[in-house]
Amino acid sequence: MKMKLIAVAVGAALSVPAVAMADVSVYGRAHVSVDYLDDGAKYSETNLSSNSSRLGFKGDHEINPDLKAFFQIEQQINFTTGSSSGGTSFATRDTFVGLSGNFGAVQAGRFDSPFKVARGPFNLFGDQVGDMNNLARVTSGRLDERYDNTIQYTTPDLNGFNVKAAYSMYQGQSLNITDSAANNEDSDAFSVSLNYLGGPLEASLAYEQVEEDTLRGEADSIRAAAAYKLTETFKLVGFYQTTDFTGVDDTTSAQRDAGTFNVFGLGGEFAIAKNTALKATWMTNDSDTRNADATMWVVGVEHKLDKAVRVYANYAVVDNDENVAYSPWMQSRTATPSGQSIDENDVNRAAGEKAAGLTVGLRYDF
């Protein structure tokens, strides 16, 4: 009898972790590339890069038929050196907890703003050489980021439409009330987007404002992105963004002009076989600073070995005006060689030059 009771107790104990973990999944992405990068002046080298690789845990729990709790914990992983980019922090990427139901969803934590997510329909080369952020996220202010201390509401699906609205307390866990520079109340951010997905069309319209004391100064921006599937094999994409950088009280007019710009672009994806596609985008950044415009074009081919694994090759070029030095490789990658000032001898800071990158990559989603 005692042996039977012990066996029942052990079985019950072993079953508890299984029940607790039943709705939790482990996921991730290993994304590496070999890149040849040339800034058009003194730098031309081959690099190995880990491109927004990640490891995450997510799950949900049904409280009742009309209410569900959900969570996600995600960490960036560097597959080229074995280190993470977050130091002692484990949750460096989208990490949140929330509730969802017929009312929509509410979540709190650290995650991409609605404005940042809204670029999705256009970004055919996300986390690769040629990522659109190399021209769209060049303001001196804080925009298009993964904000700390954020609360977000997402409406339920409304015939293909939904709205996301997020507010970030950014610098602290609550609004600060002291007058010191490190504890100013004016350090929040607001972001909202209207999104549509239905039939051949995917589109987003977004607005974001970041207040003065978020380390870099006040900025606001409007963004629109769309993808339209003209045929079963061809998708057309478009993008527009206008960004205004105000800065702080002592920000100079030259600094404001450098962070104020319009950027727009067009592109397309053409399926040449069942699992193979040719892709191309063209973008231009029209800056308020004189002779500081830049144009980027990217061409690439991607082949999906199966649902989880893909390989690709891209070639991207940024053509800079004489007072600016952008490159097609500085976003979402570990291989981001750069210098400290605009000088022809600095890596990736060769103003007025054409910076180019050739990349071959492997992405494994698990």
Foldseek 3Di string as FASTA:
>chain_A
DVVVVVVVVVVVVVVVVCVVCVFKDKWWKFKKKWKFWDLQFADTDIDIKTFQTKIKMKGKADPDPFKIKIWMAMFGATPVPGDGPPVPDGRPEDTWIWMAGQFFIKIWFWYWFPVLCQQVQAQPQHSHQQGPCLQVVQALDDDNHGAGGKMKGWGPQDVFKIKIKMKHQGLDNDQFDDDDLSRHRFFMKIKMKIWGDDDFKTKMWMKMWGGQSVPRGTKIKIKIKMWGAPDPFKIKIKIKMWMFGDYDPPDDPQSRQSRGWIKMKIWMWGDPDPFKIKIKMKMKIGTSHPQFIKIKIKIKMKGAPDPFKIKMKMKMKMAGGQPFFTGSNCPRMPPHQFADEQDSPIPSRPGRGMIMMIMIMMMGID
